[in-house]
Amino acid sequence: MTMRAWRVADWGAPDSIALETTSIPTPGPGEVMVKVRYAALNFFDALMIAGKYQVKPPRPFTPGCEIAGEVVAVGEGVDLPLASRVCGQPDWGGFADYCVMPVAALRAVPNEVDLKAAACVPVIYPTAHVALRRRAGLQAGETLLVTAAAGGVGVAAVQLGKAWGAKVIALAGGPEKCQVALDNGADHAFDYAADADWVEPVRALTDGRGVDVIYDPVGGDIFNTALKVIAFEGRAVIIGFAGGEIQKVAANRLLLKNASAVGAIWGGYLARDPAYAVTVVDDCFAMMARKEIAPAIFNVYPMAALPEALTALDSRKTWGKLLIDMAA
């Protein structure tokens, strides 16, 4: 039996990948084969295709690290009913009709959540959950500053912060993205592409006190500027450096405010503390079922348009999540 799969033969741009017909994989011990219904895109997909990500699969390989679908086959030792609705974060292989992955990397999708929404869960919501709850210790009544607040992990942080009772200030590039942040729960939004002088307005919104938590997936100058408005005993959480420049921490600002800067990478818990990882994803689904959070989806592309979708994501002109519909 065969299936369609996007394949990377050599490192390159999104338009260098090829849609091929290949053999359907077979699940081994402890593995599950999922019929992929939706696959979600992430910034690191393009990095992996280009050979610039920390994970470099043996070529040729199928990219794609966030999926939702149904179980169609299981390997030895797996007790999971066929047709179970699941989502998961495979190391790669998601941009295909079928994907084989360890059963431990899958989570059941509640009946209240459709598969399109479920495909948005495995990466962005646990990332924001771990960063805000475990690493930053965000409390109700505190003020949260989110950079790149209209991106996938940014929207997730805005929604979770608001659901947990924080006052949320969003930074985004352009009026459309600021509106996306506001539509998803931000109390205030500033366009840092048009107005670099957002420090004083943020100070004013906090009565000069500053923000309790900074959530930053951007890096570079944005992070350093945000440290100017960190509150006494504030916490800055580093999620990534999508802007291309790794954060350089101005330690004097931390010292003067008794503040701290910490990292937060969701994938680290999947291997080191799988029981905790399960509780995080389950909590995200419970909040989604209660309609406290909901994915912001920019567009759903047909499978044949994957290179176009990856190029759009890399352009930084999109917001929220981009999905591939395998049946379209």
Protein backbone atom coordinates (compact mmCIF):
# COMPACT_ATOMS: atom_id res chain seq x y z
CA MET A 1 0.00 0.00 0.00
CA THR A 2 1.13 3.52 -0.75
CA MET A 3 0.52 7.04 0.53
CA ARG A 4 1.36 10.64 -0.32
CA ALA A 5 4.19 12.25 1.60
CA TRP A 6 6.24 15.41 1.30
CA ARG A 7 9.93 14.45 1.13
CA VAL A 8 13.16 16.31 1.79
CA ALA A 9 15.99 14.88 -0.33
CA ASP A 10 18.48 17.64 0.44
CA TRP A 11 18.56 20.71 2.66
CA GLY A 12 16.87 23.70 1.07
CA ALA A 13 13.92 26.11 0.99
CA PRO A 14 10.27 25.04 1.34
CA ASP A 15 9.84 25.00 -2.44
CA SER A 16 12.60 22.38 -2.74
CA ILE A 17 10.53 19.61 -1.13
CA ALA A 18 8.64 17.12 -3.28
CA LEU A 19 5.25 15.45 -2.93
CA GLU A 20 5.88 11.76 -3.58
CA THR A 21 4.10 8.43 -3.46
CA THR A 22 5.80 6.16 -0.96
CA SER A 23 5.12 3.03 1.07
CA ILE A 24 2.86 3.24 4.08
CA PRO A 25 5.00 2.71 7.22
CA THR A 26 4.39 -0.13 9.67
CA PRO A 27 4.25 0.54 13.42
CA GLY A 28 6.83 -1.32 15.48
CA PRO A 29 6.67 -2.25 19.19
CA GLY A 30 5.25 0.60 21.22
CA GLU A 31 4.28 2.55 18.10
CA VAL A 32 1.01 3.68 16.54
CA MET A 33 0.11 4.51 12.95
CA VAL A 34 -2.14 7.56 12.63
CA LYS A 35 -4.16 8.53 9.58
CA VAL A 36 -3.35 12.22 9.53
CA ARG A 37 -6.37 14.48 9.12
CA TYR A 38 -4.70 17.80 9.90
CA ALA A 39 -1.05 18.78 10.28
CA ALA A 40 -0.02 22.09 11.84
CA LEU A 41 2.92 24.22 10.74
CA ASN A 42 5.63 25.63 13.00
CA PHE A 43 8.59 27.95 12.37
CA PHE A 44 11.00 25.11 13.06
CA ASP A 45 9.59 23.09 10.13
CA ALA A 46 11.33 25.39 7.66
CA LEU A 47 14.50 25.28 9.76
CA MET A 48 14.44 21.48 9.71
CA ILE A 49 13.92 21.43 5.94
CA ALA A 50 16.89 23.78 5.56
CA GLY A 51 19.10 21.70 7.87
CA LYS A 52 19.33 24.59 10.34
CA TYR A 53 17.39 23.00 13.20
CA GLN A 54 19.03 21.21 16.13
CA VAL A 55 17.32 18.00 14.95
CA LYS A 56 18.61 16.80 11.57
CA PRO A 57 16.74 13.69 10.38
CA PRO A 58 18.49 11.27 8.03
CA ARG A 59 17.56 12.16 4.46
CA PRO A 60 15.30 11.60 2.68
CA PHE A 61 12.67 12.31 5.32
CA THR A 62 9.16 13.66 5.70
CA PRO A 63 8.90 16.86 7.78
CA GLY A 64 5.97 17.77 10.02
CA CYS A 65 5.90 17.66 13.81
CA GLU A 66 2.28 18.36 14.86
CA ILE A 67 -0.70 16.28 13.79
CA ALA A 68 -4.22 15.13 14.58
CA GLY A 69 -6.07 12.13 13.19
CA GLU A 70 -7.27 8.60 13.89
CA VAL A 71 -5.44 5.45 14.94
CA VAL A 72 -5.46 2.89 12.12
CA ALA A 73 -2.84 0.38 13.31
CA VAL A 74 -0.86 -0.38 16.46
CA GLY A 75 2.39 -2.16 17.14
CA GLU A 76 3.19 -4.85 19.69
CA GLY A 77 2.48 -3.86 23.28
CA VAL A 78 0.10 -1.03 22.42
CA ASP A 79 -3.40 -1.16 23.89
CA LEU A 80 -5.15 1.61 21.99
CA PRO A 81 -8.45 1.07 20.15
CA LEU A 82 -8.48 1.56 16.41
CA ALA A 83 -10.30 4.70 15.25
CA SER A 84 -9.29 6.53 18.44
CA ARG A 85 -9.03 10.27 17.83
CA VAL A 86 -5.55 11.44 18.77
CA CYS A 87 -3.07 14.26 18.36
CA GLY A 88 0.66 14.27 18.86
CA GLN A 89 4.10 15.67 18.25
CA PRO A 90 6.18 13.27 16.14
CA ASP A 91 9.89 13.99 15.72
CA TRP A 92 9.08 14.31 11.99
CA GLY A 93 6.85 12.56 9.42
CA GLY A 94 3.64 14.54 9.89
CA PHE A 95 3.20 15.92 6.38
CA ALA A 96 1.94 12.62 5.00
CA ASP A 97 -1.29 10.64 4.79
CA TYR A 98 -0.04 8.34 7.56
CA CYS A 99 2.43 8.89 10.37
CA VAL A 100 4.01 6.35 12.72
CA MET A 101 5.05 7.55 16.17
CA PRO A 102 5.51 6.25 19.74
CA VAL A 103 2.27 5.81 21.63
CA ALA A 104 3.77 7.91 24.45
CA ALA A 105 3.85 10.90 22.09
CA LEU A 106 0.09 10.75 21.48
CA ARG A 107 -2.80 12.15 23.47
CA ALA A 108 -6.48 11.29 23.16
CA VAL A 109 -8.65 14.10 21.79
CA PRO A 110 -11.76 14.79 23.91
CA ASN A 111 -15.11 14.49 22.16
CA GLU A 112 -15.73 18.21 22.72
CA VAL A 113 -12.69 19.17 20.61
CA ASP A 114 -12.62 18.73 16.83
CA LEU A 115 -9.52 17.46 15.07
CA LYS A 116 -8.80 20.78 13.41
CA ALA A 117 -8.46 22.44 16.83
CA ALA A 118 -6.65 19.41 18.25
CA ALA A 119 -3.91 19.74 15.62
CA CYS A 120 -3.04 23.11 17.17
CA VAL A 121 -2.54 21.72 20.66
CA PRO A 122 0.63 19.58 20.85
CA VAL A 123 3.21 22.41 20.51
CA ILE A 124 1.95 25.93 21.19
CA TYR A 125 -0.38 25.48 24.16
CA PRO A 126 1.93 23.24 26.22
CA THR A 127 4.79 25.65 25.43
CA ALA A 128 2.83 28.59 26.82
CA HIS A 129 1.46 26.52 29.72
CA VAL A 130 4.91 25.40 30.87
CA ALA A 131 6.39 28.86 30.41
CA LEU A 132 3.70 30.76 32.28
CA ARG A 133 2.73 28.31 34.99
CA ARG A 134 5.83 26.28 35.82
CA ARG A 135 8.68 28.58 34.81
CA ALA A 136 7.18 32.00 35.51
CA GLY A 137 4.67 31.10 38.21
CA LEU A 138 2.11 33.52 36.77
CA GLN A 139 -0.60 34.42 39.28
CA ALA A 140 -4.06 35.93 38.91
CA GLY A 141 -3.89 39.71 39.15
CA GLU A 142 -0.35 39.95 37.77
CA THR A 143 0.58 41.71 34.54
CA LEU A 144 1.89 39.67 31.60
CA LEU A 145 3.76 41.16 28.63
CA VAL A 146 3.72 38.96 25.51
CA THR A 147 6.01 39.71 22.56
CA ALA A 148 5.04 38.48 19.06
CA ALA A 149 1.58 38.18 20.56
CA ALA A 150 -0.14 37.32 17.27
CA GLY A 151 2.06 34.31 16.48
CA GLY A 152 1.12 30.77 17.41
CA VAL A 153 2.87 30.61 20.79
CA GLY A 154 2.05 34.28 21.37
CA VAL A 155 -1.70 33.85 20.96
CA ALA A 156 -1.54 30.77 23.20
CA ALA A 157 0.18 32.82 25.92
CA VAL A 158 -2.35 35.65 25.60
CA GLN A 159 -5.26 33.23 25.93
CA LEU A 160 -3.80 31.26 28.83
CA GLY A 161 -2.70 34.38 30.69
CA LYS A 162 -6.15 35.89 30.38
CA ALA A 163 -7.86 32.63 31.40
CA TRP A 164 -5.67 32.51 34.52
CA GLY A 165 -6.62 36.02 35.56
CA ALA A 166 -3.66 38.08 34.40
CA LYS A 167 -3.72 41.53 32.84
CA VAL A 168 -2.23 40.98 29.37
CA ILE A 169 -0.25 43.54 27.39
CA ALA A 170 0.56 42.45 23.84
CA LEU A 171 3.34 43.54 21.48
CA ALA A 172 2.84 42.74 17.81
CA GLY A 173 4.04 43.90 14.40
CA GLY A 174 1.33 45.84 12.62
CA PRO A 175 -2.27 46.91 13.32
CA GLU A 176 -3.78 43.66 12.04
CA LYS A 177 -1.66 41.59 14.41
CA CYS A 178 -2.43 43.93 17.30
CA GLN A 179 -6.12 43.36 16.59
CA VAL A 180 -5.55 39.59 16.57
CA ALA A 181 -4.01 39.86 20.04
CA LEU A 182 -6.92 41.97 21.29
CA ASP A 183 -9.45 39.56 19.77
CA ASN A 184 -7.80 36.73 21.68
CA GLY A 185 -7.96 38.35 25.08
CA ALA A 186 -5.19 40.96 25.36
CA ASP A 187 -6.20 44.01 27.39
CA HIS A 188 -3.84 46.30 25.50
CA ALA A 189 -1.74 45.96 22.34
CA PHE A 190 1.17 48.00 20.98
CA ASP A 191 2.51 47.94 17.43
CA TYR A 192 6.26 47.73 17.89
CA ALA A 193 6.80 47.79 14.13
CA ALA A 194 5.41 51.33 13.87
CA ASP A 195 6.13 52.73 17.33
CA ALA A 196 9.40 51.85 19.04
CA ASP A 197 8.43 54.02 22.03
CA TRP A 198 6.14 51.54 23.77
CA VAL A 199 8.09 51.48 27.04
CA GLU A 200 6.50 54.55 28.61
CA PRO A 201 2.93 53.54 27.69
CA VAL A 202 3.53 50.13 29.28
CA ARG A 203 4.90 51.79 32.41
CA ALA A 204 1.84 54.03 32.50
CA LEU A 205 -0.51 51.05 32.23
CA THR A 206 1.16 49.51 35.28
CA ASP A 207 1.27 52.77 37.27
CA GLY A 208 5.04 52.77 36.94
CA ARG A 209 5.41 49.39 38.57
CA GLY A 210 6.26 47.36 35.47
CA VAL A 211 5.16 43.91 34.31
CA ASP A 212 5.40 40.80 36.47
CA VAL A 213 6.07 38.36 33.63
CA ILE A 214 7.67 38.81 30.20
CA TYR A 215 7.00 36.03 27.67
CA ASP A 216 9.42 36.32 24.77
CA PRO A 217 9.74 34.10 21.70
CA VAL A 218 11.48 36.87 19.69
CA GLY A 219 14.86 37.70 21.24
CA GLY A 220 17.21 40.51 20.21
CA ASP A 221 16.33 44.14 20.89
CA ILE A 222 12.71 43.38 21.77
CA PHE A 223 13.77 41.29 24.77
CA ASN A 224 16.32 43.84 25.98
CA THR A 225 13.79 46.63 25.69
CA ALA A 226 11.17 44.60 27.53
CA LEU A 227 13.55 44.20 30.47
CA LYS A 228 13.26 47.96 30.97
CA VAL A 229 9.68 47.46 32.15
CA ILE A 230 10.13 44.37 34.31
CA ALA A 231 8.68 44.76 37.81
CA PHE A 232 10.40 44.15 41.12
CA GLU A 233 10.82 40.35 41.41
CA GLY A 234 9.54 40.03 37.85
CA ARG A 235 10.24 36.98 35.70
CA ALA A 236 11.31 37.02 32.07
CA VAL A 237 10.73 33.75 30.22
CA ILE A 238 12.74 33.00 27.08
CA ILE A 239 10.73 30.84 24.65
CA GLY A 240 12.88 31.15 21.55
CA PHE A 241 14.52 33.63 19.21
CA ALA A 242 12.29 33.83 16.16
CA GLY A 243 13.70 37.28 15.39
CA GLY A 244 17.02 35.66 14.55
CA GLU A 245 19.09 37.04 17.42
CA ILE A 246 19.53 35.12 20.67
CA GLN A 247 18.59 37.05 23.79
CA LYS A 248 21.51 38.80 25.51
CA VAL A 249 20.38 39.34 29.07
CA ALA A 250 21.10 42.76 30.57
CA ALA A 251 21.96 41.35 33.98
CA ASN A 252 22.08 44.79 35.58
CA ARG A 253 18.34 45.18 34.97
CA LEU A 254 17.67 41.86 36.66
CA LEU A 255 19.90 42.81 39.58
CA LEU A 256 18.30 46.19 40.15
CA LYS A 257 14.80 44.68 40.18
CA ASN A 258 15.57 41.40 42.00
CA ALA A 259 14.21 39.88 38.80
CA SER A 260 15.01 36.62 37.01
CA ALA A 261 15.32 35.32 33.45
CA VAL A 262 14.58 31.65 32.75
CA GLY A 263 14.22 29.41 29.73
CA ALA A 264 11.17 27.35 28.83
CA ILE A 265 11.24 24.56 26.27
CA TRP A 266 8.26 22.22 26.21
CA GLY A 267 10.10 19.35 24.55
CA GLY A 268 12.41 19.02 27.52
CA TYR A 269 9.56 17.71 29.67
CA LEU A 270 8.37 15.10 27.17
CA ALA A 271 11.43 12.94 27.87
CA ARG A 272 12.40 14.03 31.39
CA ASP A 273 8.99 14.17 33.07
CA PRO A 274 6.40 12.43 30.87
CA ALA A 275 3.84 12.25 33.68
CA TYR A 276 3.93 16.03 34.05
CA ALA A 277 3.74 16.42 30.26
CA VAL A 278 0.52 14.40 30.24
CA THR A 279 -1.04 16.65 32.88
CA VAL A 280 -0.11 19.76 30.88
CA VAL A 281 -1.74 18.56 27.64
CA ASP A 282 -4.77 17.26 29.52
CA ASP A 283 -5.19 20.65 31.21
CA CYS A 284 -4.96 22.42 27.84
CA PHE A 285 -7.68 20.16 26.46
CA ALA A 286 -9.85 20.69 29.55
CA MET A 287 -9.56 24.46 29.11
CA MET A 288 -10.40 24.09 25.42
CA ALA A 289 -13.43 21.94 26.21
CA ARG A 290 -14.58 24.67 28.66
CA LYS A 291 -14.04 27.22 25.85
CA GLU A 292 -11.52 29.15 27.92
CA ILE A 293 -9.01 28.89 25.07
CA ALA A 294 -9.45 28.29 21.33
CA PRO A 295 -6.92 28.14 18.49
CA ALA A 296 -6.63 31.17 16.24
CA ILE A 297 -6.30 29.70 12.74
CA PHE A 298 -4.95 31.96 9.98
CA ASN A 299 -5.64 29.54 7.13
CA VAL A 300 -6.16 25.89 6.25
CA TYR A 301 -4.28 24.79 3.12
CA PRO A 302 -4.72 21.68 0.99
CA MET A 303 -1.92 19.13 1.21
CA ALA A 304 -0.56 20.08 -2.23
CA ALA A 305 -0.02 23.67 -1.03
CA LEU A 306 2.40 22.85 1.78
CA PRO A 307 5.37 24.76 0.25
CA GLU A 308 3.12 27.81 -0.19
CA ALA A 309 1.98 27.54 3.44
CA LEU A 310 5.54 27.20 4.76
CA THR A 311 6.64 30.21 2.71
CA ALA A 312 3.72 32.25 4.05
CA LEU A 313 4.63 31.32 7.63
CA ASP A 314 8.27 32.22 7.07
CA SER A 315 7.24 35.63 5.67
CA ARG A 316 6.05 36.68 9.15
CA LYS A 317 2.89 38.11 7.56
CA THR A 318 0.61 35.43 9.02
CA TRP A 319 -0.81 35.12 12.52
CA GLY A 320 -1.97 32.28 14.74
CA LYS A 321 -1.72 28.76 13.34
CA LEU A 322 -1.52 27.48 9.77
CA LEU A 323 -2.90 24.02 9.06
CA ILE A 324 -2.72 21.44 6.28
CA ASP A 325 -5.94 19.56 5.54
CA MET A 326 -4.87 16.16 4.21
CA ALA A 327 -8.26 15.51 2.64
CA ALA A 328 -8.48 18.83 0.77
